[in-house]
């Protein structure tokens, strides 16, 4: 994970150095996250509300294109219900109660995962200050928590997650800007030894910021 982070950082620094003769802008941003998770073991899912805050740079690549690397602290997760089932053995019904489960009724569960996210986005200006943002995001897990009934567990998340970002933004005169993004995970968010290896993060980021 450290090697990946180092490679990303060196790439951003190299591009910045190469484009140093251009007008590079730096900024601050923050906002609200509404996140969920695709998974077979959760039902009645609801969005988890979180936030993001961080720094960014805009490196011009032409008249209508820029490279926008960011470093964000982001909180996300999901709320839902889970039914405790065991994997069926040959000849057994499709689903049987998990051994020791108090009941087979759905129980509320919540997951919170906090990341350092490093999006590296291509910014395409469509009309004046209105732009499309698209690119990968390299996400490093800081901590996580599962809350199930009266039990809390940690260290269930993957240390690294790779996702894609698609969004729109608009910049006002004076440097103030706002934007909406959809973020979709391409790799598993939770450890497959504990949960479904296909559990992936997804959600929306609504943010505002200021370019200097």
C-alpha atoms as a PDB file:
ATOM      1  CA  UNK A   1       0.000   0.000   0.000  1.00  0.00           C
ATOM      2  CA  UNK A   2       2.852   2.393   0.857  1.00  0.00           C
ATOM      3  CA  UNK A   3       4.484   1.688  -2.507  1.00  0.00           C
ATOM      4  CA  UNK A   4       1.245   2.528  -4.338  1.00  0.00           C
ATOM      5  CA  UNK A   5       0.881   5.776  -2.418  1.00  0.00           C
ATOM      6  CA  UNK A   6       4.524   6.666  -3.161  1.00  0.00           C
ATOM      7  CA  UNK A   7       4.080   6.000  -6.886  1.00  0.00           C
ATOM      8  CA  UNK A   8       0.955   8.180  -7.017  1.00  0.00           C
ATOM      9  CA  UNK A   9       2.670  10.990  -5.123  1.00  0.00           C
ATOM     10  CA  UNK A  10       5.750  10.882  -7.356  1.00  0.00           C
ATOM     11  CA  UNK A  11       3.566  10.896 -10.466  1.00  0.00           C
ATOM     12  CA  UNK A  12       1.678  13.973  -9.293  1.00  0.00           C
ATOM     13  CA  UNK A  13       4.919  15.762  -8.357  1.00  0.00           C
ATOM     14  CA  UNK A  14       6.502  14.900 -11.711  1.00  0.00           C
ATOM     15  CA  UNK A  15       3.537  16.200 -13.698  1.00  0.00           C
ATOM     16  CA  UNK A  16       3.505  19.338 -11.559  1.00  0.00           C
ATOM     17  CA  UNK A  17       7.201  19.935 -12.231  1.00  0.00           C
ATOM     18  CA  UNK A  18       6.807  19.383 -15.971  1.00  0.00           C
ATOM     19  CA  UNK A  19       3.877  21.801 -16.128  1.00  0.00           C
ATOM     20  CA  UNK A  20       5.467  24.341 -13.806  1.00  0.00           C
ATOM     21  CA  UNK A  21       5.509  26.916 -16.578  1.00  0.00           C
ATOM     22  CA  UNK A  22       1.718  26.767 -16.789  1.00  0.00           C
ATOM     23  CA  UNK A  23      -0.700  28.493 -14.439  1.00  0.00           C
ATOM     24  CA  UNK A  24      -1.249  25.898 -11.729  1.00  0.00           C
ATOM     25  CA  UNK A  25      -3.984  26.605  -9.181  1.00  0.00           C
ATOM     26  CA  UNK A  26      -4.327  25.124  -5.720  1.00  0.00           C
ATOM     27  CA  UNK A  27      -7.478  24.879  -3.653  1.00  0.00           C
ATOM     28  CA  UNK A  28      -9.384  23.602  -0.665  1.00  0.00           C
ATOM     29  CA  UNK A  29     -12.651  21.683  -0.756  1.00  0.00           C
ATOM     30  CA  UNK A  30     -15.147  19.902   1.473  1.00  0.00           C
ATOM     31  CA  UNK A  31     -18.670  18.572   1.475  1.00  0.00           C
ATOM     32  CA  UNK A  32     -21.164  15.827   2.226  1.00  0.00           C
ATOM     33  CA  UNK A  33     -21.030  12.155   1.228  1.00  0.00           C
ATOM     34  CA  UNK A  34     -24.038   9.874   0.703  1.00  0.00           C
ATOM     35  CA  UNK A  35     -22.657   6.356   0.401  1.00  0.00           C
ATOM     36  CA  UNK A  36     -23.837   2.761   0.180  1.00  0.00           C
ATOM     37  CA  UNK A  37     -22.394  -0.644  -0.654  1.00  0.00           C
ATOM     38  CA  UNK A  38     -23.230  -3.321  -3.221  1.00  0.00           C
ATOM     39  CA  UNK A  39     -23.425  -6.651  -1.396  1.00  0.00           C
ATOM     40  CA  UNK A  40     -25.493  -9.814  -1.279  1.00  0.00           C
ATOM     41  CA  UNK A  41     -25.476 -10.096   2.511  1.00  0.00           C
ATOM     42  CA  UNK A  42     -27.193  -6.742   3.167  1.00  0.00           C
ATOM     43  CA  UNK A  43     -30.893  -6.021   2.640  1.00  0.00           C
ATOM     44  CA  UNK A  44     -32.991  -2.866   3.109  1.00  0.00           C
ATOM     45  CA  UNK A  45     -29.886  -0.753   2.556  1.00  0.00           C
ATOM     46  CA  UNK A  46     -29.873   2.960   3.262  1.00  0.00           C
ATOM     47  CA  UNK A  47     -27.304   5.633   2.518  1.00  0.00           C
ATOM     48  CA  UNK A  48     -24.756   6.498   5.186  1.00  0.00           C
ATOM     49  CA  UNK A  49     -24.133  10.231   5.564  1.00  0.00           C
ATOM     50  CA  UNK A  50     -20.514  11.324   5.858  1.00  0.00           C
ATOM     51  CA  UNK A  51     -18.201  14.093   4.758  1.00  0.00           C
ATOM     52  CA  UNK A  52     -14.998  14.810   2.855  1.00  0.00           C
ATOM     53  CA  UNK A  53     -12.373  17.521   3.167  1.00  0.00           C
ATOM     54  CA  UNK A  54      -9.033  18.076   1.508  1.00  0.00           C
ATOM     55  CA  UNK A  55      -6.770  19.850  -0.957  1.00  0.00           C
ATOM     56  CA  UNK A  56      -6.480  19.843  -4.747  1.00  0.00           C
ATOM     57  CA  UNK A  57      -4.490  21.259  -7.628  1.00  0.00           C
ATOM     58  CA  UNK A  58      -5.519  22.076 -11.188  1.00  0.00           C
ATOM     59  CA  UNK A  59      -2.782  21.632 -13.803  1.00  0.00           C
ATOM     60  CA  UNK A  60      -3.690  23.004 -17.268  1.00  0.00           C
ATOM     61  CA  UNK A  61      -3.125  20.607 -20.163  1.00  0.00           C
ATOM     62  CA  UNK A  62      -4.628  22.792 -22.868  1.00  0.00           C
ATOM     63  CA  UNK A  63      -7.391  25.284 -23.497  1.00  0.00           C
ATOM     64  CA  UNK A  64     -10.184  22.996 -22.310  1.00  0.00           C
ATOM     65  CA  UNK A  65      -8.394  20.248 -20.377  1.00  0.00           C
ATOM     66  CA  UNK A  66      -6.768  20.058 -16.960  1.00  0.00           C
ATOM     67  CA  UNK A  67      -5.379  17.418 -14.635  1.00  0.00           C
ATOM     68  CA  UNK A  68      -6.837  17.639 -11.131  1.00  0.00           C
ATOM     69  CA  UNK A  69      -5.127  15.551  -8.418  1.00  0.00           C
ATOM     70  CA  UNK A  70      -6.653  15.673  -4.939  1.00  0.00           C
ATOM     71  CA  UNK A  71      -5.967  14.368  -1.453  1.00  0.00           C
ATOM     72  CA  UNK A  72      -9.138  13.951   0.616  1.00  0.00           C
ATOM     73  CA  UNK A  73     -10.144  12.615   3.991  1.00  0.00           C
ATOM     74  CA  UNK A  74     -13.526  10.921   3.463  1.00  0.00           C
ATOM     75  CA  UNK A  75     -15.957   9.089   5.732  1.00  0.00           C
ATOM     76  CA  UNK A  76     -18.383   6.627   4.186  1.00  0.00           C
ATOM     77  CA  UNK A  77     -20.225   3.351   4.744  1.00  0.00           C
ATOM     78  CA  UNK A  78     -23.707   1.891   4.644  1.00  0.00           C
ATOM     79  CA  UNK A  79     -26.701   1.123   6.848  1.00  0.00           C
ATOM     80  CA  UNK A  80     -28.812  -1.967   6.352  1.00  0.00           C
ATOM     81  CA  UNK A  81     -30.084  -5.233   7.741  1.00  0.00           C
ATOM     82  CA  UNK A  82     -28.512  -8.666   7.753  1.00  0.00           C
ATOM     83  CA  UNK A  83     -29.907 -12.189   8.139  1.00  0.00           C
ATOM     84  CA  UNK A  84     -27.499 -14.622   9.767  1.00  0.00           C
ATOM     85  CA  UNK A  85     -27.373 -17.628   7.473  1.00  0.00           C
ATOM     86  CA  UNK A  86     -24.917 -20.458   7.153  1.00  0.00           C
ATOM     87  CA  UNK A  87     -23.641 -21.874   3.868  1.00  0.00           C
ATOM     88  CA  UNK A  88     -25.907 -24.858   3.084  1.00  0.00           C
ATOM     89  CA  UNK A  89     -24.411 -28.337   3.126  1.00  0.00           C
ATOM     90  CA  UNK A  90     -25.274 -30.943   0.440  1.00  0.00           C
ATOM     91  CA  UNK A  91     -28.923 -31.935   0.704  1.00  0.00           C
ATOM     92  CA  UNK A  92     -29.820 -29.063   3.056  1.00  0.00           C
ATOM     93  CA  UNK A  93     -32.339 -26.307   2.269  1.00  0.00           C
ATOM     94  CA  UNK A  94     -31.038 -23.315   0.370  1.00  0.00           C
ATOM     95  CA  UNK A  95     -30.680 -21.320   3.577  1.00  0.00           C
ATOM     96  CA  UNK A  96     -30.403 -22.428   7.194  1.00  0.00           C
ATOM     97  CA  UNK A  97     -29.956 -20.284  10.317  1.00  0.00           C
ATOM     98  CA  UNK A  98     -26.365 -19.555  11.239  1.00  0.00           C
ATOM     99  CA  UNK A  99     -25.310 -21.639  14.297  1.00  0.00           C
ATOM    100  CA  UNK A 100     -25.855 -19.600  17.426  1.00  0.00           C
ATOM    101  CA  UNK A 101     -27.916 -16.939  15.708  1.00  0.00           C
ATOM    102  CA  UNK A 102     -30.617 -15.540  18.002  1.00  0.00           C
ATOM    103  CA  UNK A 103     -33.138 -15.452  15.167  1.00  0.00           C
ATOM    104  CA  UNK A 104     -33.357 -15.413  11.378  1.00  0.00           C
ATOM    105  CA  UNK A 105     -35.100 -12.058  11.263  1.00  0.00           C
ATOM    106  CA  UNK A 106     -33.132  -9.157   9.766  1.00  0.00           C
ATOM    107  CA  UNK A 107     -30.988  -7.248  12.272  1.00  0.00           C
ATOM    108  CA  UNK A 108     -29.785  -3.670  11.825  1.00  0.00           C
ATOM    109  CA  UNK A 109     -26.118  -3.278  10.971  1.00  0.00           C
ATOM    110  CA  UNK A 110     -23.970  -0.299  10.024  1.00  0.00           C
ATOM    111  CA  UNK A 111     -20.513  -0.003   8.509  1.00  0.00           C
ATOM    112  CA  UNK A 112     -18.313   3.067   8.698  1.00  0.00           C
ATOM    113  CA  UNK A 113     -15.093   3.263   6.703  1.00  0.00           C
ATOM    114  CA  UNK A 114     -12.728   6.232   6.756  1.00  0.00           C
ATOM    115  CA  UNK A 115     -10.287   6.757   3.885  1.00  0.00           C
ATOM    116  CA  UNK A 116      -7.537   8.915   2.535  1.00  0.00           C
ATOM    117  CA  UNK A 117      -8.674   9.230  -1.077  1.00  0.00           C
ATOM    118  CA  UNK A 118      -6.348  10.282  -3.902  1.00  0.00           C
ATOM    119  CA  UNK A 119      -8.423  11.020  -7.026  1.00  0.00           C
ATOM    120  CA  UNK A 120      -6.445  11.820 -10.173  1.00  0.00           C
ATOM    121  CA  UNK A 121      -9.013  13.352 -12.510  1.00  0.00           C
ATOM    122  CA  UNK A 122      -9.133  14.710 -16.023  1.00  0.00           C
ATOM    123  CA  UNK A 123     -11.144  17.919 -16.048  1.00  0.00           C
ATOM    124  CA  UNK A 124     -12.871  18.767 -19.337  1.00  0.00           C
ATOM    125  CA  UNK A 125     -14.394  22.236 -19.690  1.00  0.00           C
ATOM    126  CA  UNK A 126     -17.665  21.894 -21.587  1.00  0.00           C
ATOM    127  CA  UNK A 127     -19.060  25.428 -21.501  1.00  0.00           C
ATOM    128  CA  UNK A 128     -17.165  28.336 -19.939  1.00  0.00           C
ATOM    129  CA  UNK A 129     -16.641  27.382 -16.266  1.00  0.00           C
ATOM    130  CA  UNK A 130     -18.810  24.235 -16.416  1.00  0.00           C
ATOM    131  CA  UNK A 131     -16.698  21.062 -16.475  1.00  0.00           C
ATOM    132  CA  UNK A 132     -16.805  17.267 -16.513  1.00  0.00           C
ATOM    133  CA  UNK A 133     -14.470  15.396 -14.132  1.00  0.00           C
ATOM    134  CA  UNK A 134     -13.520  11.758 -14.679  1.00  0.00           C
ATOM    135  CA  UNK A 135     -10.751   9.462 -13.507  1.00  0.00           C
ATOM    136  CA  UNK A 136      -9.528   6.895 -10.964  1.00  0.00           C
ATOM    137  CA  UNK A 137      -9.299   7.254  -7.218  1.00  0.00           C
ATOM    138  CA  UNK A 138      -6.774   5.424  -5.029  1.00  0.00           C
ATOM    139  CA  UNK A 139      -8.233   4.983  -1.547  1.00  0.00           C
ATOM    140  CA  UNK A 140      -6.330   4.008   1.600  1.00  0.00           C
ATOM    141  CA  UNK A 141      -8.320   2.785   4.603  1.00  0.00           C
ATOM    142  CA  UNK A 142      -7.552   4.526   7.903  1.00  0.00           C
ATOM    143  CA  UNK A 143     -10.067   2.728  10.130  1.00  0.00           C
ATOM    144  CA  UNK A 144     -13.425   0.984  10.001  1.00  0.00           C
ATOM    145  CA  UNK A 145     -16.212  -0.107  12.325  1.00  0.00           C
ATOM    146  CA  UNK A 146     -19.130  -2.523  12.153  1.00  0.00           C
ATOM    147  CA  UNK A 147     -22.014  -1.963  14.574  1.00  0.00           C
ATOM    148  CA  UNK A 148     -24.318  -4.983  14.948  1.00  0.00           C
ATOM    149  CA  UNK A 149     -26.896  -4.942  17.744  1.00  0.00           C
ATOM    150  CA  UNK A 150     -24.744  -4.268  20.843  1.00  0.00           C
ATOM    151  CA  UNK A 151     -21.517  -5.478  19.253  1.00  0.00           C
ATOM    152  CA  UNK A 152     -18.804  -3.406  17.622  1.00  0.00           C
ATOM    153  CA  UNK A 153     -16.018  -4.865  15.501  1.00  0.00           C
ATOM    154  CA  UNK A 154     -13.104  -3.309  13.631  1.00  0.00           C
ATOM    155  CA  UNK A 155     -10.417  -4.291  11.104  1.00  0.00           C
ATOM    156  CA  UNK A 156     -12.928  -5.754   8.627  1.00  0.00           C
ATOM    157  CA  UNK A 157     -12.096  -3.499   5.689  1.00  0.00           C
ATOM    158  CA  UNK A 158      -9.554  -3.859   2.919  1.00  0.00           C
ATOM    159  CA  UNK A 159      -6.511  -1.630   3.406  1.00  0.00           C
ATOM    160  CA  UNK A 160      -6.709  -0.408  -0.213  1.00  0.00           C
ATOM    161  CA  UNK A 161      -9.623   0.264  -2.540  1.00  0.00           C
ATOM    162  CA  UNK A 162      -9.623   1.333  -6.195  1.00  0.00           C
ATOM    163  CA  UNK A 163     -12.595   3.306  -7.487  1.00  0.00           C
ATOM    164  CA  UNK A 164     -13.751   5.481 -10.373  1.00  0.00           C
ATOM    165  CA  UNK A 165     -15.070   9.046 -10.232  1.00  0.00           C
ATOM    166  CA  UNK A 166     -17.500  10.816 -12.559  1.00  0.00           C
ATOM    167  CA  UNK A 167     -18.731  14.298 -11.793  1.00  0.00           C
ATOM    168  CA  UNK A 168     -19.709  17.798 -12.819  1.00  0.00           C
ATOM    169  CA  UNK A 169     -18.456  21.077 -11.394  1.00  0.00           C
ATOM    170  CA  UNK A 170     -18.980  24.782 -11.886  1.00  0.00           C
ATOM    171  CA  UNK A 171     -16.559  27.541 -10.918  1.00  0.00           C
ATOM    172  CA  UNK A 172     -17.719  31.063 -10.135  1.00  0.00           C
ATOM    173  CA  UNK A 173     -15.688  34.217 -10.553  1.00  0.00           C
ATOM    174  CA  UNK A 174     -13.361  34.710  -7.630  1.00  0.00           C
ATOM    175  CA  UNK A 175     -12.415  31.043  -7.271  1.00  0.00           C
ATOM    176  CA  UNK A 176     -15.484  29.615  -5.533  1.00  0.00           C
ATOM    177  CA  UNK A 177     -16.722  26.327  -7.052  1.00  0.00           C
ATOM    178  CA  UNK A 178     -19.211  23.544  -6.403  1.00  0.00           C
ATOM    179  CA  UNK A 179     -19.674  20.050  -7.740  1.00  0.00           C
ATOM    180  CA  UNK A 180     -21.490  16.730  -7.628  1.00  0.00           C
ATOM    181  CA  UNK A 181     -19.781  13.357  -8.121  1.00  0.00           C
ATOM    182  CA  UNK A 182     -20.621   9.694  -8.321  1.00  0.00           C
ATOM    183  CA  UNK A 183     -17.940   7.394  -6.920  1.00  0.00           C
ATOM    184  CA  UNK A 184     -18.034   3.673  -7.716  1.00  0.00           C
ATOM    185  CA  UNK A 185     -15.734   1.075  -6.174  1.00  0.00           C
ATOM    186  CA  UNK A 186     -14.063  -1.410  -8.517  1.00  0.00           C
ATOM    187  CA  UNK A 187     -12.447  -3.540  -5.809  1.00  0.00           C
ATOM    188  CA  UNK A 188     -13.832  -5.094  -2.631  1.00  0.00           C
ATOM    189  CA  UNK A 189     -14.179  -2.857   0.420  1.00  0.00           C
ATOM    190  CA  UNK A 190     -14.439  -5.634   3.017  1.00  0.00           C
ATOM    191  CA  UNK A 191     -12.141  -8.552   3.728  1.00  0.00           C
ATOM    192  CA  UNK A 192     -13.417 -11.651   1.934  1.00  0.00           C
ATOM    193  CA  UNK A 193     -12.492 -13.845   4.909  1.00  0.00           C
ATOM    194  CA  UNK A 194     -15.249 -12.092   6.848  1.00  0.00           C
ATOM    195  CA  UNK A 195     -17.768 -11.060   4.203  1.00  0.00           C
ATOM    196  CA  UNK A 196     -18.792 -11.187   0.587  1.00  0.00           C
ATOM    197  CA  UNK A 197     -15.717 -10.374  -1.506  1.00  0.00           C
ATOM    198  CA  UNK A 198     -17.966  -8.477  -3.927  1.00  0.00           C
ATOM    199  CA  UNK A 199     -18.965  -5.864  -1.340  1.00  0.00           C
ATOM    200  CA  UNK A 200     -18.012  -2.549  -3.006  1.00  0.00           C
ATOM    201  CA  UNK A 201     -18.463   1.065  -2.034  1.00  0.00           C
ATOM    202  CA  UNK A 202     -20.496   3.514  -4.071  1.00  0.00           C
ATOM    203  CA  UNK A 203     -22.152   6.851  -3.507  1.00  0.00           C
ATOM    204  CA  UNK A 204     -22.314  10.579  -4.139  1.00  0.00           C
ATOM    205  CA  UNK A 205     -20.152  13.509  -3.064  1.00  0.00           C
ATOM    206  CA  UNK A 206     -21.627  17.010  -2.947  1.00  0.00           C
ATOM    207  CA  UNK A 207     -18.910  19.572  -2.338  1.00  0.00           C
ATOM    208  CA  UNK A 208     -17.817  23.196  -2.467  1.00  0.00           C
ATOM    209  CA  UNK A 209     -14.357  24.708  -2.495  1.00  0.00           C
ATOM    210  CA  UNK A 210     -12.120  27.612  -3.289  1.00  0.00           C
ATOM    211  CA  UNK A 211      -9.247  27.903  -5.808  1.00  0.00           C
ATOM    212  CA  UNK A 212      -6.407  30.316  -4.969  1.00  0.00           C
END
